Every structure is written in structure tokens, then in C-alpha cells.
C-alpha atoms as a PDB file:
ATOM      1  CA  MET A   1       0.000   0.000   0.000  1.00  0.00           C
ATOM      2  CA  ALA A   2       2.864   2.383   0.835  1.00  0.00           C
ATOM      3  CA  THR A   3       4.514   1.741  -2.534  1.00  0.00           C
ATOM      4  CA  ALA A   4       1.239   2.484  -4.329  1.00  0.00           C
ATOM      5  CA  ARG A   5       0.975   5.830  -2.538  1.00  0.00           C
ATOM      6  CA  ARG A   6       4.583   6.646  -3.292  1.00  0.00           C
ATOM      7  CA  SER A   7       4.264   5.857  -6.990  1.00  0.00           C
ATOM      8  CA  ASP A   8       0.958   7.778  -7.139  1.00  0.00           C
ATOM      9  CA  LEU A   9       2.594  10.759  -5.431  1.00  0.00           C
ATOM     10  CA  LEU A  10       5.549  10.660  -7.825  1.00  0.00           C
ATOM     11  CA  GLY A  11       3.193  10.382 -10.793  1.00  0.00           C
ATOM     12  CA  ARG A  12       1.218  13.404  -9.657  1.00  0.00           C
ATOM     13  CA  LEU A  13       4.433  15.345  -9.081  1.00  0.00           C
ATOM     14  CA  ALA A  14       5.627  14.505 -12.599  1.00  0.00           C
ATOM     15  CA  ASP A  15       2.300  15.589 -14.088  1.00  0.00           C
ATOM     16  CA  LEU A  16       2.360  18.869 -12.194  1.00  0.00           C
ATOM     17  CA  SER A  17       5.913  19.626 -13.256  1.00  0.00           C
ATOM     18  CA  GLU A  18       5.039  18.960 -16.907  1.00  0.00           C
ATOM     19  CA  GLU A  19       2.069  21.313 -16.647  1.00  0.00           C
ATOM     20  CA  ALA A  20       4.244  23.985 -15.031  1.00  0.00           C
ATOM     21  CA  ILE A  21       6.795  23.725 -17.834  1.00  0.00           C
ATOM     22  CA  GLN A  22       4.066  24.036 -20.442  1.00  0.00           C
ATOM     23  CA  ARG A  23       2.702  27.135 -18.718  1.00  0.00           C
ATOM     24  CA  LEU A  24       6.148  28.688 -18.580  1.00  0.00           C
ATOM     25  CA  THR A  25       6.595  28.298 -22.324  1.00  0.00           C
ATOM     26  CA  GLU A  26       3.388  30.248 -22.885  1.00  0.00           C
ATOM     27  CA  VAL A  27       4.612  33.228 -20.821  1.00  0.00           C
ATOM     28  CA  PRO A  28       5.942  36.170 -22.880  1.00  0.00           C
ATOM     29  CA  GLY A  29       9.738  36.346 -22.727  1.00  0.00           C
ATOM     30  CA  ALA A  30      10.033  32.749 -21.619  1.00  0.00           C
ATOM     31  CA  ASP A  31      12.069  31.880 -24.702  1.00  0.00           C
ATOM     32  CA  ARG A  32      14.732  34.376 -23.618  1.00  0.00           C
ATOM     33  CA  ALA A  33      14.772  32.900 -20.124  1.00  0.00           C
ATOM     34  CA  VAL A  34      15.058  29.380 -21.506  1.00  0.00           C
ATOM     35  CA  GLY A  35      17.868  30.538 -23.810  1.00  0.00           C
ATOM     36  CA  ALA A  36      19.698  32.094 -20.866  1.00  0.00           C
ATOM     37  CA  LEU A  37      19.332  28.907 -18.839  1.00  0.00           C
ATOM     38  CA  ASN A  38      20.669  26.829 -21.721  1.00  0.00           C
ATOM     39  CA  ALA A  39      23.640  29.179 -22.085  1.00  0.00           C
ATOM     40  CA  LEU A  40      24.272  28.861 -18.357  1.00  0.00           C
ATOM     41  CA  ARG A  41      24.200  25.076 -18.655  1.00  0.00           C
ATOM     42  CA  GLU A  42      26.706  25.160 -21.519  1.00  0.00           C
ATOM     43  CA  ARG A  43      29.032  27.448 -19.590  1.00  0.00           C
ATOM     44  CA  THR A  44      28.804  25.226 -16.538  1.00  0.00           C
ATOM     45  CA  ASP A  45      29.669  22.167 -18.633  1.00  0.00           C
ATOM     46  CA  GLU A  46      32.674  23.967 -20.108  1.00  0.00           C
ATOM     47  CA  LEU A  47      33.816  25.017 -16.645  1.00  0.00           C
ATOM     48  CA  GLN A  48      33.565  21.417 -15.417  1.00  0.00           C
ATOM     49  CA  ARG A  49      35.721  20.227 -18.341  1.00  0.00           C
ATOM     50  CA  ARG A  50      38.339  22.839 -17.541  1.00  0.00           C
ATOM     51  CA  VAL A  51      38.385  21.954 -13.847  1.00  0.00           C
ATOM     52  CA  ARG A  52      38.880  18.280 -14.704  1.00  0.00           C
ATOM     53  CA  GLY A  53      41.857  19.315 -16.824  1.00  0.00           C
ATOM     54  CA  LEU A  54      43.280  21.315 -13.928  1.00  0.00           C
ATOM     55  CA  GLU A  55      43.195  18.271 -11.664  1.00  0.00           C
ATOM     56  CA  GLY A  56      45.468  16.403 -14.057  1.00  0.00           C
ATOM     57  CA  MET A  57      47.806  19.369 -14.264  1.00  0.00           C
ATOM     58  CA  GLU A  58      47.954  19.602 -10.472  1.00  0.00           C
ATOM     59  CA  GLN A  59      48.955  15.954 -10.262  1.00  0.00           C
ATOM     60  CA  ARG A  60      51.705  16.443 -12.833  1.00  0.00           C
ATOM     61  CA  LEU A  61      52.893  19.567 -11.020  1.00  0.00           C
ATOM     62  CA  ALA A  62      53.076  17.698  -7.723  1.00  0.00           C
ATOM     63  CA  ALA A  63      55.115  14.935  -9.380  1.00  0.00           C
ATOM     64  CA  LEU A  64      57.486  17.478 -10.889  1.00  0.00           C
ATOM     65  CA  GLU A  65      57.896  19.240  -7.543  1.00  0.00           C
ATOM     66  CA  ARG A  66      58.815  15.927  -5.920  1.00  0.00           C
ATOM     67  CA  LYS A  67      61.412  15.320  -8.643  1.00  0.00           C
ATOM     68  CA  VAL A  68      62.889  18.780  -8.184  1.00  0.00           C
ATOM     69  CA  ASP A  69      63.091  18.289  -4.421  1.00  0.00           C
ATOM     70  CA  LYS A  70      64.736  14.915  -4.924  1.00  0.00           C
ATOM     71  CA  LEU A  71      67.250  16.324  -7.390  1.00  0.00           C
ATOM     72  CA  SER A  72      68.035  19.343  -5.223  1.00  0.00           C
ATOM     73  CA  LYS A  73      68.697  17.098  -2.226  1.00  0.00           C
ATOM     74  CA  ALA A  74      70.880  14.815  -4.324  1.00  0.00           C
ATOM     75  CA  GLY A  75      72.730  17.787  -5.798  1.00  0.00           C
ATOM     76  CA  SER A  76      73.557  19.283  -2.407  1.00  0.00           C
ATOM     77  CA  THR A  77      75.208  16.083  -1.149  1.00  0.00           C
ATOM     78  CA  THR A  78      77.535  15.631  -4.146  1.00  0.00           C
ATOM     79  CA  PRO A  79      80.556  17.892  -4.557  1.00  0.00           C
ATOM     80  CA  SER A  80      80.168  20.524  -7.204  1.00  0.00           C
ATOM     81  CA  ARG A  81      82.137  20.090 -10.398  1.00  0.00           C
ATOM     82  CA  SER A  82      84.584  22.742 -11.475  1.00  0.00           C
ATOM     83  CA  THR A  83      83.894  24.420 -14.757  1.00  0.00           C
ATOM     84  CA  ALA A  84      86.242  23.972 -17.684  1.00  0.00           C
ATOM     85  CA  LYS A  85      89.049  26.483 -17.867  1.00  0.00           C
ATOM     86  CA  LYS A  86      88.693  28.917 -20.721  1.00  0.00           C
ATOM     87  CA  THR A  87      91.736  29.572 -22.855  1.00  0.00           C
ATOM     88  CA  THR A  88      92.399  32.834 -24.584  1.00  0.00           C
ATOM     89  CA  THR A  89      94.394  33.329 -27.733  1.00  0.00           C
ATOM     90  CA  THR A  90      96.682  36.243 -28.396  1.00  0.00           C
ATOM     91  CA  LYS A  91      97.761  37.671 -31.682  1.00  0.00           C
ATOM     92  CA  SER A  92     101.118  36.536 -32.836  1.00  0.00           C
ATOM     93  CA  SER A  93     103.873  39.101 -33.149  1.00  0.00           C
ATOM     94  CA  SER A  94     103.901  38.777 -36.941  1.00  0.00           C
ATOM     95  CA  THR A  95     100.212  39.685 -37.131  1.00  0.00           C
ATOM     96  CA  GLN A  96     100.845  42.695 -34.940  1.00  0.00           C
ATOM     97  CA  LYS A  97     103.746  43.814 -37.141  1.00  0.00           C
ATOM     98  CA  ARG A  98     101.611  43.552 -40.296  1.00  0.00           C
ATOM     99  CA  ALA A  99      98.869  45.645 -38.719  1.00  0.00           C
ATOM    100  CA  SER A 100     101.336  48.348 -37.648  1.00  0.00           C
ATOM    101  CA  THR A 101     102.973  48.563 -41.120  1.00  0.00           C
ATOM    102  CA  LYS A 102      99.595  48.895 -42.834  1.00  0.00           C
ATOM    103  CA  SER A 103      98.613  51.828 -40.670  1.00  0.00           C
ATOM    104  CA  ASN A 104     101.839  53.726 -41.547  1.00  0.00           C
END
């Protein structure tokens, strides 16, 4: 008996909601309101897609931060390497003599 009442109550509620929707479509300006609600739904869906993408990026960022921490700890315990010594070249004396004779 309780299930019959419940299903009857849900049936009546569904009928009333359908009637209310039909009445709303007859109201002037309702098409603009429905359009605005549809636009809101689309924007909300887009926002949800973006947020889902951010969750993946946050996970990747956390993994990269762990790697950086691990590498910085490993780098501080090893001795630092010395950089290669740079060599400079000087002009030979014959090149300098040629340049001085040309200027005279």
C-alpha cells in the first residue's frame, strides 16, 4: 500500500511539473529565459571540463615538484664540479707587425 501511494505521489508530481513547464513556455519572454538557462548550462559544462583538466595538471605539477626536491637534495650532497678552464688566444707578433705597417 505504501509503494502504491509513493508511486501515485511521484506520478502526480511529474504531471504537475510537466504542466508547469508548459505554462512557462506560454509566458511572454520565456524563450529568452530558456535561452539564458541553456547558455548557463553550456558554460557550466565547459567550466567542469576545464576543472577536470586542472586536476590532471595539479597531479603532474606535484610529481614534478617531488622530482625537483629529490634532485636538489641529491645535488647538495655531491661535490660541485669545477667548470672547464677557458683559454684565450693572443695575436702573434707577426700579425701585430703587419697591422702596424699597414697603418703607416
